[in-house]
């Protein structure tokens, strides 16, 4: 599935398009950045509440498909600006990580 397929989910809102043709090959749920860096895999969609510049650095390091901020997490302007520079797709949802991943599984992830 491609990152742009997330746009069909009504509970998930795109906040920065980034590379919409990036392939999603799974999902990783985690908030401790050091663990995400060591355990997440390339082309996974990262579900987290960590909405700051360091999260973008981790997503870039791992080459993740994008980031889905859960639990209604808000992203500040500096993070959005850096996401534009890095071309990282960003999404947000009020759903919990568990509820969001159930929707992703229904889409075929």
C-alpha atoms as a PDB file:
ATOM      1  CA  UNK A   1       0.000   0.000   0.000  1.00  0.00           C
ATOM      2  CA  UNK A   2       1.089   3.567  -0.599  1.00  0.00           C
ATOM      3  CA  UNK A   3       1.082   6.360   1.967  1.00  0.00           C
ATOM      4  CA  UNK A   4      -1.568   8.189  -0.080  1.00  0.00           C
ATOM      5  CA  UNK A   5      -3.992   5.344   0.685  1.00  0.00           C
ATOM      6  CA  UNK A   6      -4.219   6.711   4.242  1.00  0.00           C
ATOM      7  CA  UNK A   7      -6.167   9.648   2.815  1.00  0.00           C
ATOM      8  CA  UNK A   8      -9.233   7.435   2.423  1.00  0.00           C
ATOM      9  CA  UNK A   9      -9.545   6.939   6.191  1.00  0.00           C
ATOM     10  CA  UNK A  10     -11.881   9.504   7.703  1.00  0.00           C
ATOM     11  CA  UNK A  11     -10.330   9.312  11.185  1.00  0.00           C
ATOM     12  CA  UNK A  12      -6.838  10.047   9.888  1.00  0.00           C
ATOM     13  CA  UNK A  13      -5.919  13.530   8.646  1.00  0.00           C
ATOM     14  CA  UNK A  14      -2.896  14.451   6.537  1.00  0.00           C
ATOM     15  CA  UNK A  15      -0.986  17.406   7.990  1.00  0.00           C
ATOM     16  CA  UNK A  16       1.924  17.281   5.534  1.00  0.00           C
ATOM     17  CA  UNK A  17       1.866  15.430   2.211  1.00  0.00           C
ATOM     18  CA  UNK A  18       5.524  14.585   1.782  1.00  0.00           C
ATOM     19  CA  UNK A  19       6.188  11.718  -0.620  1.00  0.00           C
ATOM     20  CA  UNK A  20       2.691  10.328  -1.203  1.00  0.00           C
ATOM     21  CA  UNK A  21       4.027   7.490  -3.372  1.00  0.00           C
ATOM     22  CA  UNK A  22       6.111   6.038  -0.557  1.00  0.00           C
ATOM     23  CA  UNK A  23       5.278   2.377   0.027  1.00  0.00           C
ATOM     24  CA  UNK A  24       4.102   1.274   3.485  1.00  0.00           C
ATOM     25  CA  UNK A  25       5.386  -2.194   4.333  1.00  0.00           C
ATOM     26  CA  UNK A  26       4.194  -2.364   7.921  1.00  0.00           C
ATOM     27  CA  UNK A  27       3.714  -0.292  11.025  1.00  0.00           C
ATOM     28  CA  UNK A  28       5.728   0.392  14.149  1.00  0.00           C
ATOM     29  CA  UNK A  29       4.191   1.675  17.375  1.00  0.00           C
ATOM     30  CA  UNK A  30       6.542   3.259  19.875  1.00  0.00           C
ATOM     31  CA  UNK A  31       7.456   6.446  21.673  1.00  0.00           C
ATOM     32  CA  UNK A  32      10.941   5.838  23.070  1.00  0.00           C
ATOM     33  CA  UNK A  33      13.148   7.203  20.304  1.00  0.00           C
ATOM     34  CA  UNK A  34      16.162   4.992  21.005  1.00  0.00           C
ATOM     35  CA  UNK A  35      13.993   1.870  20.787  1.00  0.00           C
ATOM     36  CA  UNK A  36      12.352   3.080  17.574  1.00  0.00           C
ATOM     37  CA  UNK A  37      15.803   3.702  16.054  1.00  0.00           C
ATOM     38  CA  UNK A  38      16.926   0.162  16.871  1.00  0.00           C
ATOM     39  CA  UNK A  39      13.718  -1.796  16.185  1.00  0.00           C
ATOM     40  CA  UNK A  40      11.687  -0.015  13.486  1.00  0.00           C
ATOM     41  CA  UNK A  41      12.236  -1.007   9.882  1.00  0.00           C
ATOM     42  CA  UNK A  42      12.501   0.840   6.597  1.00  0.00           C
ATOM     43  CA  UNK A  43       9.165   1.715   4.941  1.00  0.00           C
ATOM     44  CA  UNK A  44       7.116   1.229   8.103  1.00  0.00           C
ATOM     45  CA  UNK A  45       4.520   3.793   9.152  1.00  0.00           C
ATOM     46  CA  UNK A  46       5.433   5.022  12.628  1.00  0.00           C
ATOM     47  CA  UNK A  47       2.593   5.551  15.115  1.00  0.00           C
ATOM     48  CA  UNK A  48       3.661   7.780  17.999  1.00  0.00           C
ATOM     49  CA  UNK A  49       2.891  10.736  20.249  1.00  0.00           C
ATOM     50  CA  UNK A  50       6.417  12.136  19.783  1.00  0.00           C
ATOM     51  CA  UNK A  51       5.655  15.205  17.644  1.00  0.00           C
ATOM     52  CA  UNK A  52       8.913  17.138  17.560  1.00  0.00           C
ATOM     53  CA  UNK A  53      12.056  17.599  15.482  1.00  0.00           C
ATOM     54  CA  UNK A  54      13.813  14.569  16.965  1.00  0.00           C
ATOM     55  CA  UNK A  55      11.000  12.316  15.740  1.00  0.00           C
ATOM     56  CA  UNK A  56      11.655  13.513  12.198  1.00  0.00           C
ATOM     57  CA  UNK A  57      15.351  12.732  12.625  1.00  0.00           C
ATOM     58  CA  UNK A  58      14.507   9.184  13.707  1.00  0.00           C
ATOM     59  CA  UNK A  59      12.047   8.710  10.832  1.00  0.00           C
ATOM     60  CA  UNK A  60      14.706   9.891   8.387  1.00  0.00           C
ATOM     61  CA  UNK A  61      17.428   7.714   9.922  1.00  0.00           C
ATOM     62  CA  UNK A  62      15.252   4.591   9.634  1.00  0.00           C
ATOM     63  CA  UNK A  63      13.760   5.690   6.268  1.00  0.00           C
ATOM     64  CA  UNK A  64      10.208   5.247   7.476  1.00  0.00           C
ATOM     65  CA  UNK A  65       7.246   5.667   5.141  1.00  0.00           C
ATOM     66  CA  UNK A  66       5.812   8.434   7.323  1.00  0.00           C
ATOM     67  CA  UNK A  67       4.567   9.287  10.785  1.00  0.00           C
ATOM     68  CA  UNK A  68       1.039   9.006  12.172  1.00  0.00           C
ATOM     69  CA  UNK A  69       0.660  11.021  15.386  1.00  0.00           C
ATOM     70  CA  UNK A  70      -1.960   9.355  17.583  1.00  0.00           C
ATOM     71  CA  UNK A  71      -4.062  10.452  20.562  1.00  0.00           C
ATOM     72  CA  UNK A  72      -4.709  13.892  19.034  1.00  0.00           C
ATOM     73  CA  UNK A  73      -1.055  14.899  19.242  1.00  0.00           C
ATOM     74  CA  UNK A  74      -0.416  18.344  17.761  1.00  0.00           C
ATOM     75  CA  UNK A  75       2.639  19.207  15.668  1.00  0.00           C
ATOM     76  CA  UNK A  76       4.372  22.567  16.067  1.00  0.00           C
ATOM     77  CA  UNK A  77       5.304  24.855  13.172  1.00  0.00           C
ATOM     78  CA  UNK A  78       9.040  24.103  13.367  1.00  0.00           C
ATOM     79  CA  UNK A  79       8.365  20.384  13.001  1.00  0.00           C
ATOM     80  CA  UNK A  80       6.017  20.959  10.062  1.00  0.00           C
ATOM     81  CA  UNK A  81       8.595  23.155   8.357  1.00  0.00           C
ATOM     82  CA  UNK A  82      11.315  20.529   8.809  1.00  0.00           C
ATOM     83  CA  UNK A  83       8.963  17.805   7.501  1.00  0.00           C
ATOM     84  CA  UNK A  84       8.575  19.877   4.343  1.00  0.00           C
ATOM     85  CA  UNK A  85      12.354  20.074   3.960  1.00  0.00           C
ATOM     86  CA  UNK A  86      12.727  16.318   4.510  1.00  0.00           C
ATOM     87  CA  UNK A  87       9.644  15.394   2.432  1.00  0.00           C
ATOM     88  CA  UNK A  88       8.242  13.202   5.221  1.00  0.00           C
ATOM     89  CA  UNK A  89       4.484  12.462   5.154  1.00  0.00           C
ATOM     90  CA  UNK A  90       2.795  13.384   8.427  1.00  0.00           C
ATOM     91  CA  UNK A  91      -0.660  12.378   9.586  1.00  0.00           C
ATOM     92  CA  UNK A  92      -2.619  12.831  12.781  1.00  0.00           C
ATOM     93  CA  UNK A  93      -5.566  11.132  14.434  1.00  0.00           C
ATOM     94  CA  UNK A  94      -7.516  11.332  17.666  1.00  0.00           C
ATOM     95  CA  UNK A  95      -7.537   7.527  17.751  1.00  0.00           C
ATOM     96  CA  UNK A  96      -5.319   5.525  20.069  1.00  0.00           C
ATOM     97  CA  UNK A  97      -2.434   3.647  18.473  1.00  0.00           C
ATOM     98  CA  UNK A  98      -4.414   0.420  18.933  1.00  0.00           C
ATOM     99  CA  UNK A  99      -7.510   1.808  17.215  1.00  0.00           C
ATOM    100  CA  UNK A 100      -5.435   3.324  14.410  1.00  0.00           C
ATOM    101  CA  UNK A 101      -3.518   0.126  13.719  1.00  0.00           C
ATOM    102  CA  UNK A 102      -6.796  -1.790  13.468  1.00  0.00           C
ATOM    103  CA  UNK A 103      -7.795   0.564  10.645  1.00  0.00           C
ATOM    104  CA  UNK A 104      -4.408   0.084   8.981  1.00  0.00           C
ATOM    105  CA  UNK A 105      -4.783  -3.687   9.149  1.00  0.00           C
ATOM    106  CA  UNK A 106      -8.203  -3.377   7.501  1.00  0.00           C
ATOM    107  CA  UNK A 107      -6.478  -1.505   4.642  1.00  0.00           C
ATOM    108  CA  UNK A 108      -4.018  -4.343   4.194  1.00  0.00           C
ATOM    109  CA  UNK A 109      -0.947  -3.311   6.148  1.00  0.00           C
END
